[in-house]
Protein backbone atom coordinates (compact mmCIF):
# COMPACT_ATOMS: atom_id res chain seq x y z
CA UNK A 1 5.10 -7.61 4.09
CA UNK A 2 5.08 -5.80 7.43
CA UNK A 3 5.98 -8.96 9.35
CA UNK A 4 9.37 -9.09 7.83
CA UNK A 5 10.33 -5.96 9.76
CA UNK A 6 9.17 -7.53 13.01
CA UNK A 7 10.82 -10.79 12.22
CA UNK A 8 14.13 -9.02 11.52
CA UNK A 9 14.48 -7.63 15.01
CA UNK A 10 12.94 -10.79 16.56
CA UNK A 11 15.82 -13.07 15.67
CA UNK A 12 15.67 -13.62 11.91
CA UNK A 13 18.56 -11.25 11.22
CA UNK A 14 20.81 -13.24 13.60
CA UNK A 15 19.62 -16.70 12.67
CA UNK A 16 20.11 -16.10 8.94
CA UNK A 17 23.26 -14.06 9.62
CA UNK A 18 21.90 -11.14 7.53
CA UNK A 19 23.86 -8.00 6.93
CA UNK A 20 22.06 -4.61 6.55
CA UNK A 21 22.65 -4.77 2.79
CA UNK A 22 21.24 -8.29 2.55
CA UNK A 23 18.08 -7.25 4.39
CA UNK A 24 17.62 -4.42 1.86
CA UNK A 25 18.07 -6.89 -1.01
CA UNK A 26 15.48 -9.17 0.56
CA UNK A 27 13.09 -6.17 0.54
CA UNK A 28 13.97 -5.07 -3.02
CA UNK A 29 13.54 -8.41 -4.77
CA UNK A 30 9.90 -8.55 -3.76
CA UNK A 31 9.21 -5.59 -6.02
CA UNK A 32 10.78 -7.03 -9.13
CA UNK A 33 7.86 -9.28 -9.96
CA UNK A 34 5.41 -7.09 -8.10
CA UNK A 35 6.07 -4.05 -10.40
CA UNK A 36 6.40 -6.02 -13.66
CA UNK A 37 3.25 -8.12 -13.26
CA UNK A 38 0.77 -5.51 -12.00
CA UNK A 39 -0.44 -4.22 -15.39
CA UNK A 40 -0.78 -7.73 -16.93
CA UNK A 41 -2.59 -8.83 -13.84
CA UNK A 42 -5.17 -6.06 -14.09
CA UNK A 43 -5.69 -6.82 -17.75
CA UNK A 44 -6.41 -10.41 -16.83
CA UNK A 45 -8.71 -9.35 -13.97
CA UNK A 46 -10.83 -7.30 -16.39
CA UNK A 47 -11.62 -10.52 -18.21
CA UNK A 48 -12.15 -12.72 -15.15
CA UNK A 49 -14.09 -12.84 -11.90
CA UNK A 50 -12.73 -10.73 -9.04
CA UNK A 51 -14.49 -13.00 -6.52
CA UNK A 52 -12.25 -15.85 -7.57
CA UNK A 53 -9.16 -14.05 -8.86
CA UNK A 54 -8.38 -11.97 -5.70
CA UNK A 55 -9.04 -14.65 -3.05
CA UNK A 56 -6.83 -17.07 -5.11
CA UNK A 57 -3.94 -14.58 -4.85
CA UNK A 58 -4.49 -14.36 -1.05
CA UNK A 59 -4.46 -18.16 -0.63
CA UNK A 60 -1.21 -18.49 -2.56
CA UNK A 61 0.57 -15.69 -0.71
CA UNK A 62 -0.70 -16.94 2.65
CA UNK A 63 0.70 -20.35 1.90
CA UNK A 64 4.01 -18.87 0.82
CA UNK A 65 4.22 -16.77 3.98
CA UNK A 66 3.88 -20.03 5.94
CA UNK A 67 6.73 -21.54 3.87
CA UNK A 68 8.96 -18.53 4.83
CA UNK A 69 9.05 -20.01 8.34
CA UNK A 70 11.41 -22.69 7.16
CA UNK A 71 14.03 -20.47 5.47
CA UNK A 72 17.58 -21.39 6.45
CA UNK A 73 19.60 -18.87 4.54
CA UNK A 74 19.69 -15.52 2.79
CA UNK A 75 19.34 -17.27 -0.57
CA UNK A 76 16.19 -19.04 0.55
CA UNK A 77 14.73 -15.74 1.76
CA UNK A 78 15.51 -13.96 -1.50
CA UNK A 79 13.89 -16.75 -3.61
CA UNK A 80 10.69 -16.79 -1.55
CA UNK A 81 10.41 -13.02 -1.43
CA UNK A 82 10.81 -12.86 -5.22
CA UNK A 83 8.02 -15.45 -5.74
CA UNK A 84 5.80 -13.62 -3.11
CA UNK A 85 6.19 -10.36 -5.05
CA UNK A 86 5.02 -12.06 -8.22
CA UNK A 87 2.00 -13.58 -6.43
CA UNK A 88 0.96 -10.39 -4.63
CA UNK A 89 1.34 -8.27 -7.82
CA UNK A 90 -2.31 -8.57 -8.83
CA UNK A 91 -3.94 -7.93 -5.47
CA UNK A 92 -3.62 -4.15 -4.78
CA UNK A 93 -4.30 -2.90 -8.32
CA UNK A 94 -7.18 -5.46 -8.53
CA UNK A 95 -8.78 -4.07 -5.33
CA UNK A 96 -8.34 -0.57 -6.70
CA UNK A 97 -10.01 -1.48 -10.00
CA UNK A 98 -12.94 -3.27 -8.23
CA UNK A 99 -13.60 -0.38 -5.85
CA UNK A 100 -13.45 2.15 -8.63
CA UNK A 101 -15.91 0.08 -10.63
CA UNK A 102 -18.54 0.09 -7.89
CA UNK A 103 -18.50 3.54 -6.30
CA UNK A 104 -19.10 7.05 -7.49
CA UNK A 105 -16.30 9.60 -7.40
CA UNK A 106 -17.69 11.24 -4.24
CA UNK A 107 -17.87 7.81 -2.52
CA UNK A 108 -14.42 6.46 -3.30
CA UNK A 109 -12.12 8.23 -0.76
CA UNK A 110 -13.81 6.54 2.18
CA UNK A 111 -13.63 3.15 0.52
CA UNK A 112 -9.98 3.54 -0.44
CA UNK A 113 -9.38 4.76 3.11
CA UNK A 114 -10.90 1.60 4.52
CA UNK A 115 -8.64 -0.43 2.26
CA UNK A 116 -5.50 1.47 3.33
CA UNK A 117 -6.66 1.39 6.94
CA UNK A 118 -6.63 -2.34 6.77
CA UNK A 119 -2.94 -2.24 6.02
CA UNK A 120 -2.48 0.30 8.86
CA UNK A 121 -4.28 -1.95 11.30
CA UNK A 122 -2.30 -4.95 10.17
CA UNK A 123 0.80 -2.98 11.08
CA UNK A 124 -0.54 -2.21 14.48
CA UNK A 125 -1.66 -5.72 15.18
CA UNK A 126 1.46 -7.06 13.55
CA UNK A 127 3.45 -5.38 16.33
CA UNK A 128 1.20 -6.73 19.02
CA UNK A 129 1.13 -10.22 17.48
CA UNK A 130 4.89 -10.15 17.01
CA UNK A 131 5.40 -9.16 20.63
CA UNK A 132 3.10 -11.87 21.88
CA UNK A 133 4.51 -14.56 19.55
CA UNK A 134 8.17 -13.82 20.29
CA UNK A 135 7.48 -13.67 23.99
CA UNK A 136 5.08 -16.55 24.28
CA UNK A 137 5.94 -19.03 21.50
CA UNK A 138 9.73 -18.62 21.39
CA UNK A 139 11.05 -22.25 21.20
CA UNK A 140 7.67 -23.87 21.15
CA UNK A 141 7.88 -27.16 19.33
CA UNK A 142 11.52 -26.31 18.77
CA UNK A 143 10.60 -23.38 16.50
CA UNK A 144 11.86 -19.84 16.92
CA UNK A 145 9.37 -17.08 17.62
CA UNK A 146 9.95 -15.23 14.38
CA UNK A 147 9.25 -18.36 12.37
CA UNK A 148 5.91 -18.78 14.32
CA UNK A 149 5.15 -15.17 13.19
CA UNK A 150 5.21 -16.18 9.52
CA UNK A 151 3.17 -19.36 10.16
CA UNK A 152 0.41 -17.62 12.07
CA UNK A 153 0.11 -14.64 9.73
CA UNK A 154 0.09 -16.99 6.71
CA UNK A 155 -2.69 -19.07 8.19
CA UNK A 156 -4.80 -15.99 9.01
CA UNK A 157 -4.38 -14.79 5.47
CA UNK A 158 -5.57 -18.13 4.04
CA UNK A 159 -8.56 -18.09 6.37
CA UNK A 160 -9.70 -14.61 5.34
CA UNK A 161 -9.19 -15.58 1.67
CA UNK A 162 -11.62 -18.50 1.95
CA UNK A 163 -14.18 -16.27 3.59
CA UNK A 164 -13.81 -13.65 0.91
CA UNK A 165 -14.68 -16.15 -1.85
CA UNK A 166 -18.28 -16.16 -0.51
CA UNK A 167 -18.67 -12.43 0.13
CA UNK A 168 -16.63 -10.62 -2.57
CA UNK A 169 -18.69 -9.45 -5.58
CA UNK A 170 -17.67 -9.36 -9.23
CA UNK A 171 -18.04 -6.22 -11.40
CA UNK A 172 -21.45 -4.44 -11.29
CA UNK A 173 -22.55 -5.59 -14.72
CA UNK A 174 -21.46 -9.25 -14.22
CA UNK A 175 -21.98 -10.05 -10.54
CA UNK A 176 -24.37 -12.92 -9.75
CA UNK A 177 -25.10 -11.54 -6.34
CA UNK A 178 -27.53 -9.01 -7.84
CA UNK A 179 -30.69 -9.38 -9.89
CA UNK A 180 -30.81 -8.11 -13.47
CA UNK A 181 -32.66 -4.98 -12.33
CA UNK A 182 -30.15 -4.32 -9.53
CA UNK A 183 -27.19 -4.70 -11.98
CA UNK A 184 -28.82 -2.19 -14.30
CA UNK A 185 -29.27 0.26 -11.45
CA UNK A 186 -25.63 -0.23 -10.31
CA UNK A 187 -24.35 0.44 -13.76
CA UNK A 188 -26.67 3.43 -14.37
CA UNK A 189 -25.77 5.27 -11.16
CA UNK A 190 -22.12 5.17 -12.12
CA UNK A 191 -22.80 6.21 -15.71
CA UNK A 192 -24.46 9.35 -14.42
CA UNK A 193 -21.29 10.11 -12.50
CA UNK A 194 -19.16 9.47 -15.68
CA UNK A 195 -17.73 6.24 -14.23
CA UNK A 196 -17.57 3.23 -16.49
CA UNK A 197 -18.75 0.40 -14.30
CA UNK A 198 -17.15 -2.59 -16.07
CA UNK A 199 -15.96 -3.72 -19.41
CA UNK A 200 -19.32 -5.40 -20.04
CA UNK A 201 -21.55 -3.48 -22.42
CA UNK A 202 -18.71 -1.41 -23.84
CA UNK A 203 -16.52 -1.90 -26.86
CA UNK A 204 -13.48 -4.09 -25.98
CA UNK A 205 -10.02 -2.68 -26.25
CA UNK A 206 -7.08 -4.82 -27.11
CA UNK A 207 -4.45 -5.07 -24.38
CA UNK A 208 -2.12 -2.95 -26.46
CA UNK A 209 -4.93 -0.38 -27.03
CA UNK A 210 -5.70 -0.09 -23.36
CA UNK A 211 -1.98 0.40 -22.54
CA UNK A 212 -1.67 3.00 -25.30
CA UNK A 213 -4.65 5.02 -23.96
CA UNK A 214 -3.31 4.94 -20.43
CA UNK A 215 0.25 5.84 -21.42
CA UNK A 216 -0.89 8.79 -23.57
CA UNK A 217 -2.83 10.47 -20.73
CA UNK A 218 -0.71 13.01 -18.81
CA UNK A 219 -2.80 12.24 -15.65
CA UNK A 220 -1.40 8.81 -15.46
CA UNK A 221 2.20 10.01 -15.33
CA UNK A 222 1.43 12.82 -12.93
CA UNK A 223 -0.09 10.43 -10.42
CA UNK A 224 2.78 8.01 -11.01
CA UNK A 225 5.28 10.62 -9.85
CA UNK A 226 3.08 11.72 -6.95
CA UNK A 227 2.58 8.15 -5.73
CA UNK A 228 6.29 7.29 -6.16
CA UNK A 229 7.04 10.08 -3.69
CA UNK A 230 4.56 8.63 -1.10
CA UNK A 231 5.57 5.01 -1.54
CA UNK A 232 9.27 5.82 -1.56
CA UNK A 233 8.90 7.74 1.72
CA UNK A 234 6.70 5.04 3.15
CA UNK A 235 9.56 2.53 3.07
CA UNK A 236 9.84 3.79 6.54
CA UNK A 237 7.25 0.99 7.28
CA UNK A 238 9.88 -1.73 6.87
CA UNK A 239 12.24 0.02 9.22
CA UNK A 240 9.86 1.05 12.05
CA UNK A 241 11.14 -1.65 14.41
CA UNK A 242 14.76 -0.90 13.45
CA UNK A 243 14.33 2.86 13.84
CA UNK A 244 12.50 2.56 17.16
CA UNK A 245 15.12 0.13 18.38
CA UNK A 246 17.78 2.68 17.52
CA UNK A 247 15.92 5.45 19.27
CA UNK A 248 15.47 3.51 22.51
CA UNK A 249 18.85 1.94 22.74
CA UNK A 250 18.87 -1.56 24.32
CA UNK A 251 15.12 -1.96 24.68
CA UNK A 252 13.82 -5.55 24.64
CA UNK A 253 12.49 -7.02 21.39
CA UNK A 254 9.01 -7.05 22.89
CA UNK A 255 9.12 -3.38 23.88
CA UNK A 256 10.36 -2.41 20.39
CA UNK A 257 7.54 -4.33 18.69
CA UNK A 258 5.03 -2.71 21.03
CA UNK A 259 6.35 0.75 20.42
CA UNK A 260 5.50 0.39 16.70
CA UNK A 261 1.82 0.14 17.56
CA UNK A 262 1.21 3.88 18.36
CA UNK A 263 2.71 4.71 14.96
CA UNK A 264 0.00 2.78 13.18
CA UNK A 265 -2.68 3.81 15.67
CA UNK A 266 -2.23 7.53 14.93
CA UNK A 267 -1.95 6.76 11.18
CA UNK A 268 -5.28 4.85 11.30
CA UNK A 269 -7.14 7.88 12.79
CA UNK A 270 -5.46 10.31 10.37
CA UNK A 271 -6.35 8.08 7.39
CA UNK A 272 -10.03 7.94 8.50
CA UNK A 273 -10.28 11.71 8.84
CA UNK A 274 -8.61 12.36 5.50
CA UNK A 275 -10.86 9.86 3.73
CA UNK A 276 -13.97 11.45 5.14
CA UNK A 277 -13.01 14.98 4.06
CA UNK A 278 -11.68 13.64 0.69
CA UNK A 279 -15.30 12.68 -0.20
CA UNK A 280 -16.81 15.71 1.46
CA UNK A 281 -14.62 18.11 -0.50
CA UNK A 282 -13.65 16.12 -3.64
CA UNK A 283 -12.65 19.12 -5.66
CA UNK A 284 -9.92 19.93 -3.08
CA UNK A 285 -8.36 16.55 -2.83
CA UNK A 286 -5.08 17.77 -4.40
CA UNK A 287 -4.80 20.52 -1.82
CA UNK A 288 -5.53 18.11 1.06
CA UNK A 289 -2.86 15.76 -0.10
CA UNK A 290 -0.29 18.55 -0.64
CA UNK A 291 -1.06 19.77 2.84
CA UNK A 292 -0.39 16.37 4.45
CA UNK A 293 2.85 15.93 2.47
CA UNK A 294 3.98 19.43 3.54
CA UNK A 295 3.22 18.54 7.16
CA UNK A 296 5.28 15.32 6.80
CA UNK A 297 8.07 17.27 5.13
CA UNK A 298 8.34 19.69 8.08
CA UNK A 299 8.41 16.76 10.50
CA UNK A 300 11.06 15.02 8.41
CA UNK A 301 13.30 18.07 8.38
CA UNK A 302 12.90 18.42 12.15
CA UNK A 303 14.03 14.78 12.56
CA UNK A 304 17.29 15.74 10.85
CA UNK A 305 17.90 18.56 13.35
CA UNK A 306 16.49 17.23 16.65
CA UNK A 307 18.36 14.39 18.37
CA UNK A 308 16.20 13.97 21.45
CA UNK A 309 15.00 10.35 21.18
CA UNK A 310 11.50 10.92 22.57
CA UNK A 311 10.97 13.96 20.23
CA UNK A 312 12.22 11.92 17.23
CA UNK A 313 9.78 9.11 18.06
CA UNK A 314 6.91 11.62 18.20
CA UNK A 315 8.01 13.06 14.85
CA UNK A 316 8.18 9.56 13.37
CA UNK A 317 4.58 8.97 14.43
CA UNK A 318 3.52 12.25 12.73
CA UNK A 319 5.44 11.47 9.52
CA UNK A 320 3.73 8.10 9.31
CA UNK A 321 0.28 9.74 9.81
CA UNK A 322 0.87 11.97 6.87
CA UNK A 323 2.20 9.28 4.60
CA UNK A 324 -0.51 6.71 5.34
CA UNK A 325 -3.22 9.38 4.89
CA UNK A 326 -1.92 10.45 1.51
CA UNK A 327 -1.51 6.86 0.33
CA UNK A 328 -5.29 6.04 0.18
CA UNK A 329 -6.12 9.67 -0.72
CA UNK A 330 -3.92 9.48 -3.76
CA UNK A 331 -5.44 6.28 -5.02
CA UNK A 332 -8.96 7.78 -4.61
CA UNK A 333 -7.87 10.99 -6.32
CA UNK A 334 -6.39 9.00 -9.26
CA UNK A 335 -9.46 6.78 -9.49
CA UNK A 336 -11.70 9.90 -9.76
CA UNK A 337 -9.43 11.45 -12.31
CA UNK A 338 -9.56 8.25 -14.43
CA UNK A 339 -13.28 7.77 -13.97
CA UNK A 340 -14.29 8.60 -17.55
CA UNK A 341 -11.66 6.35 -19.15
CA UNK A 342 -12.46 3.12 -20.86
CA UNK A 343 -12.64 0.41 -18.14
CA UNK A 344 -9.67 -1.53 -19.49
CA UNK A 345 -7.57 1.68 -19.87
CA UNK A 346 -8.59 2.74 -16.36
CA UNK A 347 -7.40 -0.64 -15.01
CA UNK A 348 -4.06 -0.12 -16.78
CA UNK A 349 -3.67 3.41 -15.46
CA UNK A 350 -4.44 2.38 -11.88
CA UNK A 351 -2.06 -0.55 -12.17
CA UNK A 352 0.64 1.73 -13.58
CA UNK A 353 0.27 4.21 -10.70
CA UNK A 354 0.57 1.38 -8.22
CA UNK A 355 3.29 -0.54 -10.00
CA UNK A 356 5.58 2.33 -10.97
CA UNK A 357 4.87 4.02 -7.73
CA UNK A 358 6.20 0.90 -5.96
CA UNK A 359 9.42 1.13 -7.94
CA UNK A 360 10.30 3.75 -5.29
CA UNK A 361 10.46 0.96 -2.77
CA UNK A 362 13.56 -0.33 -4.46
CA UNK A 363 15.74 2.65 -3.67
CA UNK A 364 13.75 3.37 -0.53
CA UNK A 365 14.93 0.06 0.88
CA UNK A 366 18.44 1.43 1.10
CA UNK A 367 17.73 4.66 2.87
CA UNK A 368 18.35 3.41 6.36
CA UNK A 369 21.63 1.38 6.56
CA UNK A 370 22.77 0.32 9.91
CA UNK A 371 26.02 2.36 9.74
CA UNK A 372 23.87 5.47 9.58
CA UNK A 373 22.20 4.74 12.96
CA UNK A 374 20.83 5.99 15.26
CA UNK A 375 20.31 9.43 13.51
CA UNK A 376 19.69 8.16 9.95
CA UNK A 377 20.29 11.60 8.52
CA UNK A 378 20.64 10.32 4.93
CA UNK A 379 17.31 8.59 4.93
CA UNK A 380 15.31 11.44 6.39
CA UNK A 381 17.11 13.96 4.13
CA UNK A 382 16.17 11.92 0.98
CA UNK A 383 12.57 11.58 2.30
CA UNK A 384 12.39 15.32 2.81
CA UNK A 385 13.46 15.97 -0.74
CA UNK A 386 10.92 13.49 -2.09
CA UNK A 387 8.15 15.03 -0.04
CA UNK A 388 8.98 18.47 -1.43
CA UNK A 389 8.50 17.05 -4.97
CA UNK A 390 5.23 15.47 -3.83
CA UNK A 391 3.88 18.84 -2.60
CA UNK A 392 4.59 20.38 -6.02
CA UNK A 393 2.97 17.50 -7.95
CA UNK A 394 -0.29 17.60 -6.03
CA UNK A 395 -0.49 21.38 -6.17
CA UNK A 396 -0.16 20.98 -9.96
CA UNK A 397 -2.91 18.35 -10.02
CA UNK A 398 -5.10 20.51 -7.89
CA UNK A 399 -4.83 23.36 -10.33
CA UNK A 400 -5.21 21.29 -13.50
CA UNK A 401 -7.90 18.83 -12.38
CA UNK A 402 -10.11 20.83 -10.02
CA UNK A 403 -12.30 22.58 -12.61
CA UNK A 404 -13.14 19.52 -14.76
CA UNK A 405 -13.51 17.28 -11.73
CA UNK A 406 -15.80 19.89 -10.09
CA UNK A 407 -17.91 20.10 -13.23
CA UNK A 408 -18.28 16.26 -13.38
CA UNK A 409 -19.28 16.04 -9.73
CA UNK A 410 -21.81 18.84 -9.72
CA UNK A 411 -23.23 18.06 -13.09
C-alpha cells in the first residue's frame, strides 16, 4: 500500500492523468472490501490453518501488485485497488489473532511491535527502493520506473510468502511443528495467563454467537474508536511523498523519495521503545498510548502555526513516530484486554477493531487535497481533533482496564 504514494510522485499521476480527487478515490476503494471482509476472514481463519491461509493471501496480493504495473487508466487502477483490498482483508487481523494465540499478555507488545515495525521498515525501504528504481530503471525495457516499482515489490512479496509456508506455525493446539507434549505446554502456559490459545479443546461458538459476544463487549467499541483515531491520522502515510514534495518545493523525485526515509527510521526506533515498555509496564499501556497521542497532538497543532519548511518536516517526523508507536501498542493492548474471551469471539473483536478502525482511512484519504498545499491546514487541523479524542479514549481505557488487567497479570 505504501508503494502507491511513491508511485504517485514518480510518474503515475501524470501517466494516468490523475486528479487529486481521483487519487483519493483510488485510496478509498481499497478499504471497501478490506473493511467488509475482515471479520468473515478471521472466522474462516479460526477453522483453517494459518500456515496456509496467510501465505496464500500474500501470494495473491503480490501477484496483483505486479498486475498493477500494467494499469492504463484511472478505471483500471480503481478496479485493481478494490480487488487488492478484498484480498488483503484477511492478513492483518489474521496475524493479530495468531500472535494473540501464542503469547502471554506480558509478551504481546514486543511481538505486535515487530509486526508494525515491519510495516515501518517497508516504508523506509520503499522510499529507498522507489528512489533507486525511478532513477535506475526508468525506461528499462520500455517500462516506466513507477511500473517497475509495482513489479519488484510484488515479486518480493510472493517470494516471502513462499518462504513463510515452511516456517509459519498454526495455532498452539493444532500445529504439527510441535510434539503432543509441547502443544500441551504451549496451551497450558497461556491458560495460566487467562489467554485461550485456540478454538481446539473449547466449545465451538456459531459465527453469529461469536459476533454477538464481541459486539456486546464495551471494550470492543472503545478500542474501535481509539484505533479509528490512530488509523485516520495515519493516512499521512499515503501523503508523505506529496507532503515532503510540497515542503521542499521543486526537489527531484529521487530526493523526495529519499526524504521519506527518515520519517520511517525515527518511527521504527520509537515503535521498538514503546513495545518494550508496553510489556515491561503492561498495566500502564493506556497511559503510554495517551502520552504518545498527546505528543503527536502538540506537534500537529504546531504544524498548523509554523510555516518554516524545515521545522514542519521535523514535526512531520515526530507526528509519524507517535502514530506508528501507538498503532502496534493499541493492538497489543486490545489483545490483552480480549485475552479471556472465547477464541472465536476474540478473533471477531480483533477483526472489528482492525476493520472498523480502517474505516477512518476513507475520510482520511481526503484530508490533504492539492489545493490546500503547501500548508495543508485542513488536514492537520482534523488530525489534531482526532488525536484529542484518542487521548480521551485511552485515558478512559487506562482507568477502566488497569485494575482487572493488573490482577490477571500478577495472579
